[in-house]
Amino acid sequence: MNNYLKGFTHYLVHEKEVSKNTLESYKRDISQFIAFLEGRNIQYMKEVNKTTIITYLLYLQKSGKATSTISRNLASIRSFSQFLLNEQYIDKDPTIHLESPKSEKRLPAILTLKEVELLLGQPDENSEKGIRDKAMLELLYATGMRVSELVALDYFHANLDMAYIKCCNNHSKERIIPIGSMAKKALERYIKTVRKNIIKEETEEALFVNYYGRRLTRQGFWKIIKKYTQKAKIDKKITPHTLRHSFATHLLQNGADLKSVQEMLGHSDISTTQVYTLLTKNKIKEVYNKAHPRA
């Protein structure tokens, strides 16, 4: 059995040229699968059929493995089977027509409007750092941008006269996102009164910079939002992505159409955006249960 694994490893390294992490993941999954087969006295891959693989997946499930882990294992076995088929170690692929287990959609955590106001009200607007932080938090909630997109912004991406931000990075196509009056006011104040004092070089293009005058990092912003969450005493696990989730959900709750929200978020597939409709449905049900006399 180990000869199969050696051949598969060689194929992954020299033909597929997979990354080191991907290689280790495949080797781990297939080694465990082979150990399972040998424990059932299966010595040759030709003896493996669809039932064998389903039994293995059920074994993983009973062992307490997450659905995502089981799906990854099946993907590894599928690649392994294709290799064995191409090398004529087996006559047919036993993974054909086998579907990956469906993961339960986990609803993203969001803030209430009151919690958003509380969080956005934490920066000290009498300090340069507070003015910068206020502008970042307001902009993140106003646009639903990813944090990676926020820190990638250059100063010329902001059009305050027209009240929009041009958002673009290496992972998504360029999009224009409108900003509301509160975000515009906070951003305008930061640009006109703080940014020019923080940057060290006139050639610096980054919109948001740290106190070394260089572009703020995702890790730097993470520390900022963690600090203000603790200061606001909000009893929820808040990540930089929480404001993005809150932005989308609050728009839909207030009547925005799904397609517009998809475009603002930069989702290539509308099904990704549809998860937020589940949150709005939950809200409607909650309101109904509280308000209807016979709920």
Protein backbone atom coordinates (compact mmCIF):
# COMPACT_ATOMS: atom_id res chain seq x y z
CA MET A 1 0.00 0.00 0.00
CA ASN A 2 2.84 2.39 0.79
CA ASN A 3 4.04 2.09 -2.82
CA TYR A 4 0.77 3.69 -3.92
CA LEU A 5 1.41 6.59 -1.56
CA LYS A 6 5.01 7.01 -2.74
CA GLY A 7 3.87 7.14 -6.36
CA PHE A 8 1.12 9.61 -5.53
CA THR A 9 3.57 11.83 -3.61
CA HIS A 10 5.98 11.82 -6.58
CA TYR A 11 3.12 12.76 -8.89
CA LEU A 12 2.04 15.65 -6.65
CA VAL A 13 5.57 17.04 -6.34
CA HIS A 14 6.89 16.62 -9.88
CA GLU A 15 3.78 16.80 -12.05
CA LYS A 16 1.21 18.81 -10.12
CA GLU A 17 3.86 20.92 -8.35
CA VAL A 18 1.61 21.47 -5.34
CA SER A 19 2.66 23.63 -2.40
CA LYS A 20 4.32 22.12 0.65
CA ASN A 21 1.19 22.58 2.78
CA THR A 22 -1.04 20.96 0.14
CA LEU A 23 1.38 18.05 -0.18
CA GLU A 24 1.40 17.45 3.58
CA SER A 25 -2.40 17.61 3.66
CA TYR A 26 -2.74 15.01 0.87
CA LYS A 27 -0.14 12.71 2.44
CA ARG A 28 -1.82 12.88 5.85
CA ASP A 29 -5.29 12.17 4.45
CA ILE A 30 -4.19 9.28 2.24
CA SER A 31 -1.96 7.75 4.94
CA GLN A 32 -4.96 7.66 7.28
CA PHE A 33 -7.15 6.19 4.54
CA ILE A 34 -4.58 3.47 3.80
CA ALA A 35 -4.30 2.65 7.53
CA PHE A 36 -8.10 2.26 7.60
CA LEU A 37 -7.98 -0.10 4.59
CA GLU A 38 -5.16 -2.20 6.04
CA GLY A 39 -7.10 -2.48 9.30
CA ARG A 40 -9.80 -4.21 7.24
CA ASN A 41 -7.30 -6.49 5.47
CA ILE A 42 -7.58 -4.68 2.14
CA GLN A 43 -4.20 -5.01 0.47
CA TYR A 44 -4.82 -3.72 -3.05
CA MET A 45 -6.57 -0.58 -4.25
CA LYS A 46 -8.54 -2.66 -6.78
CA GLU A 47 -10.46 -4.05 -3.82
CA VAL A 48 -11.70 -0.55 -2.87
CA ASN A 49 -15.19 0.34 -4.06
CA LYS A 50 -17.77 3.05 -3.38
CA THR A 51 -19.07 1.22 -0.30
CA THR A 52 -15.55 1.09 1.16
CA ILE A 53 -15.16 4.85 0.82
CA ILE A 54 -18.61 5.59 2.25
CA THR A 55 -17.76 3.33 5.20
CA TYR A 56 -14.55 5.32 5.72
CA LEU A 57 -16.39 8.65 5.60
CA LEU A 58 -18.91 7.35 8.16
CA TYR A 59 -15.99 6.23 10.30
CA LEU A 60 -14.58 9.77 10.21
CA GLN A 61 -17.99 11.16 11.12
CA LYS A 62 -18.35 8.81 14.10
CA SER A 63 -14.84 9.82 15.17
CA GLY A 64 -16.14 13.36 15.58
CA LYS A 65 -14.49 14.88 12.51
CA ALA A 66 -15.97 18.14 11.24
CA THR A 67 -17.93 18.14 7.97
CA SER A 68 -15.24 20.30 6.37
CA THR A 69 -12.57 17.74 7.36
CA ILE A 70 -14.62 14.87 5.89
CA SER A 71 -15.12 16.84 2.66
CA ARG A 72 -11.38 17.50 2.44
CA ASN A 73 -10.63 13.80 2.95
CA LEU A 74 -13.01 12.85 0.16
CA ALA A 75 -11.32 15.40 -2.12
CA SER A 76 -7.93 13.85 -1.30
CA ILE A 77 -9.24 10.33 -1.99
CA ARG A 78 -10.75 11.56 -5.24
CA SER A 79 -7.37 12.93 -6.40
CA PHE A 80 -5.64 9.75 -5.25
CA SER A 81 -8.13 7.60 -7.19
CA GLN A 82 -7.62 9.66 -10.35
CA PHE A 83 -3.87 9.11 -10.03
CA LEU A 84 -4.36 5.35 -9.58
CA LEU A 85 -6.70 5.22 -12.58
CA ASN A 86 -4.26 7.12 -14.80
CA GLU A 87 -1.45 4.81 -13.73
CA GLN A 88 -3.72 1.77 -14.37
CA TYR A 89 -3.50 0.53 -10.79
CA ILE A 90 -7.31 0.43 -10.80
CA ASP A 91 -9.87 -0.11 -13.57
CA LYS A 92 -12.44 2.46 -12.48
CA ASP A 93 -12.68 5.41 -10.12
CA PRO A 94 -14.68 4.43 -7.00
CA THR A 95 -15.33 8.08 -6.09
CA ILE A 96 -17.49 8.79 -9.17
CA HIS A 97 -20.95 10.08 -8.18
CA LEU A 98 -19.92 10.37 -4.54
CA GLU A 99 -21.05 13.75 -3.20
CA SER A 100 -19.28 15.68 -0.48
CA PRO A 101 -21.26 16.07 2.75
CA LYS A 102 -22.99 19.45 2.87
CA SER A 103 -21.75 21.79 5.56
CA GLU A 104 -24.27 23.61 7.66
CA LYS A 105 -24.31 27.30 6.81
CA ARG A 106 -23.04 29.13 9.85
CA LEU A 107 -24.65 32.52 10.14
CA PRO A 108 -22.13 35.34 10.58
CA ALA A 109 -22.15 37.31 13.82
CA ILE A 110 -23.52 40.82 13.47
CA LEU A 111 -23.94 43.88 15.65
CA THR A 112 -27.22 45.58 16.41
CA LEU A 113 -27.59 49.21 15.35
CA LYS A 114 -27.14 50.23 18.99
CA GLU A 115 -23.91 48.22 19.25
CA VAL A 116 -22.61 49.75 16.01
CA GLU A 117 -23.24 53.25 17.40
CA LEU A 118 -21.51 52.27 20.63
CA LEU A 119 -18.45 50.88 18.85
CA LEU A 120 -18.14 53.80 16.43
CA GLY A 121 -18.41 56.24 19.33
CA GLN A 122 -15.33 54.90 21.16
CA PRO A 123 -12.41 56.69 19.40
CA ASP A 124 -11.27 59.90 21.12
CA GLU A 125 -11.86 62.56 18.49
CA ASN A 126 -9.68 65.02 20.37
CA SER A 127 -6.58 63.04 19.40
CA GLU A 128 -5.02 62.43 15.99
CA LYS A 129 -5.11 58.67 16.50
CA GLY A 130 -8.75 58.81 17.52
CA ILE A 131 -9.66 60.87 14.45
CA ARG A 132 -7.91 58.31 12.21
CA ASP A 133 -9.56 55.36 13.96
CA LYS A 134 -12.99 57.00 13.78
CA ALA A 135 -12.57 57.49 10.02
CA MET A 136 -11.58 53.84 9.53
CA LEU A 137 -14.46 52.42 11.57
CA GLU A 138 -17.02 54.72 9.94
CA LEU A 139 -15.72 53.87 6.47
CA LEU A 140 -15.70 50.13 7.13
CA TYR A 141 -19.31 50.15 8.31
CA ALA A 142 -20.42 52.58 5.58
CA THR A 143 -19.01 50.50 2.72
CA GLY A 144 -18.83 46.88 3.93
CA MET A 145 -15.27 46.63 2.62
CA ARG A 146 -12.98 43.83 3.66
CA VAL A 147 -10.22 44.93 6.03
CA SER A 148 -7.63 43.97 3.41
CA GLU A 149 -9.37 46.39 1.03
CA LEU A 150 -9.53 49.13 3.67
CA VAL A 151 -5.80 49.08 4.39
CA ALA A 152 -5.03 48.81 0.65
CA LEU A 153 -6.78 52.12 -0.08
CA ASP A 154 -4.71 54.98 -1.41
CA TYR A 155 -5.65 58.60 -0.69
CA PHE A 156 -6.72 59.21 -4.30
CA HIS A 157 -9.29 56.38 -4.07
CA ALA A 158 -11.47 58.68 -1.95
CA ASN A 159 -13.67 61.14 -3.82
CA LEU A 160 -15.18 63.31 -1.10
CA ASP A 161 -16.93 65.67 -3.52
CA MET A 162 -18.91 62.81 -5.03
CA ALA A 163 -19.01 60.87 -1.75
CA TYR A 164 -17.66 57.54 -2.96
CA ILE A 165 -14.68 55.23 -2.51
CA LYS A 166 -12.99 53.34 -5.32
CA CYS A 167 -12.25 49.91 -3.93
CA CYS A 168 -9.79 47.61 -5.68
CA ASN A 169 -7.25 44.97 -4.73
CA ASN A 170 -5.57 41.90 -6.18
CA HIS A 171 -8.46 39.58 -5.29
CA SER A 172 -11.48 41.44 -6.61
CA LYS A 173 -12.36 43.68 -9.50
CA GLU A 174 -12.62 47.42 -9.01
CA ARG A 175 -15.90 48.70 -7.62
CA ILE A 176 -17.31 52.08 -6.65
CA ILE A 177 -19.01 52.24 -3.24
CA PRO A 178 -21.00 55.25 -2.01
CA ILE A 179 -20.29 56.56 1.48
CA GLY A 180 -22.81 58.18 3.80
CA SER A 181 -22.59 61.60 5.42
CA MET A 182 -21.13 60.33 8.71
CA ALA A 183 -18.32 58.41 7.02
CA LYS A 184 -17.66 61.31 4.64
CA LYS A 185 -17.40 63.77 7.53
CA ALA A 186 -15.03 61.51 9.52
CA LEU A 187 -12.85 60.76 6.48
CA GLU A 188 -12.68 64.40 5.42
CA ARG A 189 -11.56 65.45 8.89
CA TYR A 190 -8.86 62.76 8.96
CA ILE A 191 -7.48 63.65 5.54
CA LYS A 192 -7.45 67.41 6.13
CA THR A 193 -6.20 67.53 9.71
CA VAL A 194 -4.36 64.32 10.59
CA ARG A 195 -2.97 62.37 7.64
CA LYS A 196 -0.67 65.16 6.50
CA ASN A 197 0.89 65.23 9.98
CA ILE A 198 1.45 61.47 10.19
CA ILE A 199 2.95 60.68 6.79
CA LYS A 200 6.75 60.86 6.69
CA GLU A 201 7.13 61.12 2.93
CA GLU A 202 5.17 63.32 0.56
CA THR A 203 5.15 60.42 -1.89
CA GLU A 204 3.25 58.14 0.54
CA GLU A 205 0.03 57.03 -1.19
CA ALA A 206 -1.60 54.99 1.59
CA LEU A 207 -4.84 56.49 2.86
CA PHE A 208 -4.49 55.09 6.38
CA VAL A 209 -1.03 55.10 7.92
CA ASN A 210 0.44 54.14 11.29
CA TYR A 211 2.58 56.37 13.44
CA TYR A 212 5.69 55.33 11.55
CA GLY A 213 4.12 56.98 8.54
CA ARG A 214 3.70 53.68 6.69
CA ARG A 215 0.61 51.89 5.44
CA LEU A 216 -1.46 50.40 8.24
CA THR A 217 -1.58 46.58 8.21
CA ARG A 218 -4.47 44.17 8.73
CA GLN A 219 -2.85 43.11 12.00
CA GLY A 220 -2.64 46.74 13.09
CA PHE A 221 -6.33 47.27 12.40
CA TRP A 222 -7.18 44.05 14.25
CA LYS A 223 -5.56 45.47 17.39
CA ILE A 224 -7.50 48.71 16.96
CA ILE A 225 -10.93 47.09 16.72
CA LYS A 226 -10.11 44.72 19.58
CA LYS A 227 -9.24 47.69 21.79
CA TYR A 228 -12.48 49.54 21.02
CA THR A 229 -14.59 46.40 21.48
CA GLN A 230 -13.19 46.00 24.98
CA LYS A 231 -13.65 49.70 25.67
CA ALA A 232 -17.29 49.57 24.52
CA LYS A 233 -17.86 46.46 26.69
CA ILE A 234 -19.78 44.72 23.90
CA ASP A 235 -20.29 41.12 24.97
CA LYS A 236 -19.75 39.61 21.53
CA LYS A 237 -16.76 38.25 19.67
CA ILE A 238 -16.12 41.05 17.20
CA THR A 239 -13.67 40.74 14.33
CA PRO A 240 -12.92 43.29 11.61
CA HIS A 241 -15.27 41.27 9.39
CA THR A 242 -18.16 41.78 11.82
CA LEU A 243 -18.74 45.32 10.54
CA ARG A 244 -18.91 43.96 6.97
CA HIS A 245 -21.54 41.42 8.02
CA SER A 246 -23.46 44.10 9.92
CA PHE A 247 -23.34 46.46 6.93
CA ALA A 248 -24.89 43.85 4.61
CA THR A 249 -27.54 42.69 7.07
CA HIS A 250 -28.65 46.20 8.04
CA LEU A 251 -28.98 47.19 4.38
CA LEU A 252 -31.19 44.19 3.63
CA GLN A 253 -33.25 44.73 6.78
CA ASN A 254 -33.96 48.27 5.59
CA GLY A 255 -35.10 47.29 2.10
CA ALA A 256 -31.96 47.18 -0.05
CA ASP A 257 -32.10 44.69 -2.92
CA LEU A 258 -29.80 41.66 -2.89
CA LYS A 259 -28.10 42.49 -6.20
CA SER A 260 -27.03 45.96 -5.02
CA VAL A 261 -25.64 44.54 -1.77
CA GLN A 262 -23.77 41.89 -3.77
CA GLU A 263 -22.13 44.57 -5.91
CA MET A 264 -21.14 46.69 -2.91
CA LEU A 265 -19.63 43.67 -1.13
CA GLY A 266 -17.79 42.58 -4.27
CA HIS A 267 -19.19 39.03 -4.23
CA SER A 268 -18.75 37.27 -7.57
CA ASP A 269 -21.59 34.85 -6.78
CA ILE A 270 -24.91 36.08 -5.39
CA SER A 271 -25.31 32.85 -3.40
CA THR A 272 -22.54 34.16 -1.12
CA THR A 273 -24.62 37.26 -0.41
CA GLN A 274 -27.79 35.25 0.19
CA VAL A 275 -26.56 34.06 3.61
CA TYR A 276 -27.46 37.52 4.91
CA THR A 277 -31.10 37.00 3.94
CA LEU A 278 -31.21 34.20 6.52
CA LEU A 279 -30.32 36.77 9.17
CA THR A 280 -33.07 39.13 8.03
CA LYS A 281 -35.58 36.27 8.08
CA ASN A 282 -34.54 35.47 11.63
CA LYS A 283 -35.09 39.13 12.54
CA ILE A 284 -38.56 39.17 10.96
CA LYS A 285 -39.49 36.03 12.89
CA GLU A 286 -38.23 37.59 16.12
CA VAL A 287 -40.28 40.77 15.54
CA TYR A 288 -43.36 38.68 14.72
CA ASN A 289 -43.05 36.58 17.84
CA LYS A 290 -42.75 39.69 20.00
CA ALA A 291 -45.49 41.72 18.31
CA HIS A 292 -48.22 39.28 17.28
CA PRO A 293 -50.80 38.64 20.02
CA ARG A 294 -51.17 34.99 19.06
CA ALA A 295 -47.56 34.22 18.13
